[in-house]
Amino acid sequence: MYSIQMPKFEFTGKTAVVTGSGSGIGRAAALELAYYGANVVVADISAAAAAATVAEITENGGSALAWPTDVSQSAQVDALVKAAVEHFGALDIFISNAGV
């Protein structure tokens, strides 16, 4: 008999940006990163969807920032990165999940 052991992820003190994290796979990634200790910047074209994901993260003790972003606009992506660094002090992980 054998058992499968899942790796232990540790992202405490790391900051992650996840685009398209107001729903679907991006939301799942944001929640998982927060579960393992990351500060998460929730970027989505929908401010309401981003806020809902942030609410779930913070209600469970995580740290997150909602940042409405249209990834088809390079200036908005630049502002997203700047906000992540200014708010959390660094940017360690960037998941480009949103589609255009």
Protein backbone atom coordinates (compact mmCIF):
# COMPACT_ATOMS: atom_id res chain seq x y z
CA MET A 1 0.00 0.00 0.00
CA TYR A 2 1.20 3.52 -0.68
CA SER A 3 -0.08 6.97 0.01
CA ILE A 4 0.17 10.04 -2.12
CA GLN A 5 1.58 13.01 -0.29
CA MET A 6 0.77 16.44 -1.55
CA PRO A 7 3.60 18.97 -1.46
CA LYS A 8 3.44 21.63 1.23
CA PHE A 9 3.29 25.06 -0.32
CA GLU A 10 4.38 28.06 1.68
CA PHE A 11 3.78 31.53 0.32
CA THR A 12 3.78 33.49 3.57
CA GLY A 13 5.27 36.93 2.97
CA LYS A 14 4.99 36.60 -0.80
CA THR A 15 2.75 38.78 -2.95
CA ALA A 16 0.83 37.41 -5.90
CA VAL A 17 -1.13 39.15 -8.63
CA VAL A 18 -3.76 37.04 -10.35
CA THR A 19 -5.53 38.52 -13.36
CA GLY A 20 -9.07 37.38 -14.06
CA SER A 21 -9.43 36.39 -10.42
CA GLY A 22 -12.99 37.58 -10.00
CA SER A 23 -14.25 34.20 -11.18
CA GLY A 24 -13.33 30.76 -12.46
CA ILE A 25 -9.76 29.47 -12.50
CA GLY A 26 -8.31 32.86 -11.54
CA ARG A 27 -10.54 33.05 -8.48
CA ALA A 28 -9.57 29.52 -7.48
CA ALA A 29 -5.88 30.40 -7.87
CA ALA A 30 -6.27 33.56 -5.78
CA LEU A 31 -8.07 31.67 -3.00
CA GLU A 32 -5.46 28.92 -2.99
CA LEU A 33 -2.54 31.34 -2.87
CA ALA A 34 -4.19 33.15 0.04
CA TYR A 35 -4.82 29.84 1.80
CA TYR A 36 -1.08 29.15 1.66
CA GLY A 37 -0.24 32.59 3.04
CA ALA A 38 0.29 34.88 0.06
CA ASN A 39 -0.89 38.46 -0.10
CA VAL A 40 -3.09 38.48 -3.19
CA VAL A 41 -3.90 41.29 -5.58
CA VAL A 42 -7.19 40.31 -7.17
CA ALA A 43 -7.28 41.84 -10.65
CA ASP A 44 -10.45 41.62 -12.70
CA ILE A 45 -12.27 43.72 -15.25
CA SER A 46 -15.26 43.59 -12.89
CA ALA A 47 -14.69 45.63 -9.73
CA ALA A 48 -17.60 43.85 -8.04
CA ALA A 49 -16.22 40.38 -8.83
CA ALA A 50 -12.75 41.39 -7.60
CA ALA A 51 -14.26 42.76 -4.38
CA ALA A 52 -16.19 39.53 -3.81
CA THR A 53 -13.03 37.45 -4.11
CA VAL A 54 -11.18 39.81 -1.75
CA ALA A 55 -14.05 39.57 0.74
CA GLU A 56 -13.79 35.79 0.80
CA ILE A 57 -10.02 35.93 1.26
CA THR A 58 -10.17 38.45 4.10
CA GLU A 59 -13.10 36.71 5.82
CA ASN A 60 -10.84 33.67 6.05
CA GLY A 61 -7.92 35.61 7.54
CA GLY A 62 -6.01 36.34 4.35
CA SER A 63 -4.66 39.59 2.99
CA ALA A 64 -5.88 40.84 -0.38
CA LEU A 65 -6.41 43.92 -2.49
CA ALA A 66 -9.00 44.32 -5.26
CA TRP A 67 -7.69 46.12 -8.34
CA PRO A 68 -10.05 46.53 -11.31
CA THR A 69 -7.97 45.94 -14.43
CA ASP A 70 -8.62 45.59 -18.14
CA VAL A 71 -5.59 43.55 -19.25
CA SER A 72 -6.03 44.73 -22.84
CA GLN A 73 -4.88 48.17 -21.63
CA SER A 74 -1.15 48.19 -20.92
CA ALA A 75 -1.38 51.31 -18.74
CA GLN A 76 -3.86 49.50 -16.49
CA VAL A 77 -1.52 46.51 -16.18
CA ASP A 78 1.36 48.84 -15.32
CA ALA A 79 -0.84 50.46 -12.64
CA LEU A 80 -1.72 47.00 -11.31
CA VAL A 81 1.93 46.07 -10.83
CA LYS A 82 2.68 49.43 -9.23
CA ALA A 83 -0.26 49.04 -6.84
CA ALA A 84 0.88 45.56 -5.79
CA VAL A 85 4.38 46.79 -4.97
CA GLU A 86 3.18 49.93 -3.22
CA HIS A 87 0.56 48.11 -1.14
CA PHE A 88 2.50 44.95 -0.21
CA GLY A 89 6.12 46.01 -0.74
CA ALA A 90 7.00 43.49 -3.45
CA LEU A 91 5.69 41.35 -6.27
CA ASP A 92 6.80 37.72 -6.27
CA ILE A 93 4.19 35.88 -8.35
CA PHE A 94 2.21 37.03 -11.39
CA ILE A 95 -0.44 34.74 -12.82
CA SER A 96 -1.65 36.02 -16.17
CA ASN A 97 -4.98 34.23 -16.25
CA ALA A 98 -7.33 36.77 -17.87
CA GLY A 99 -8.05 36.33 -21.53
CA VAL A 100 -8.50 39.04 -24.13
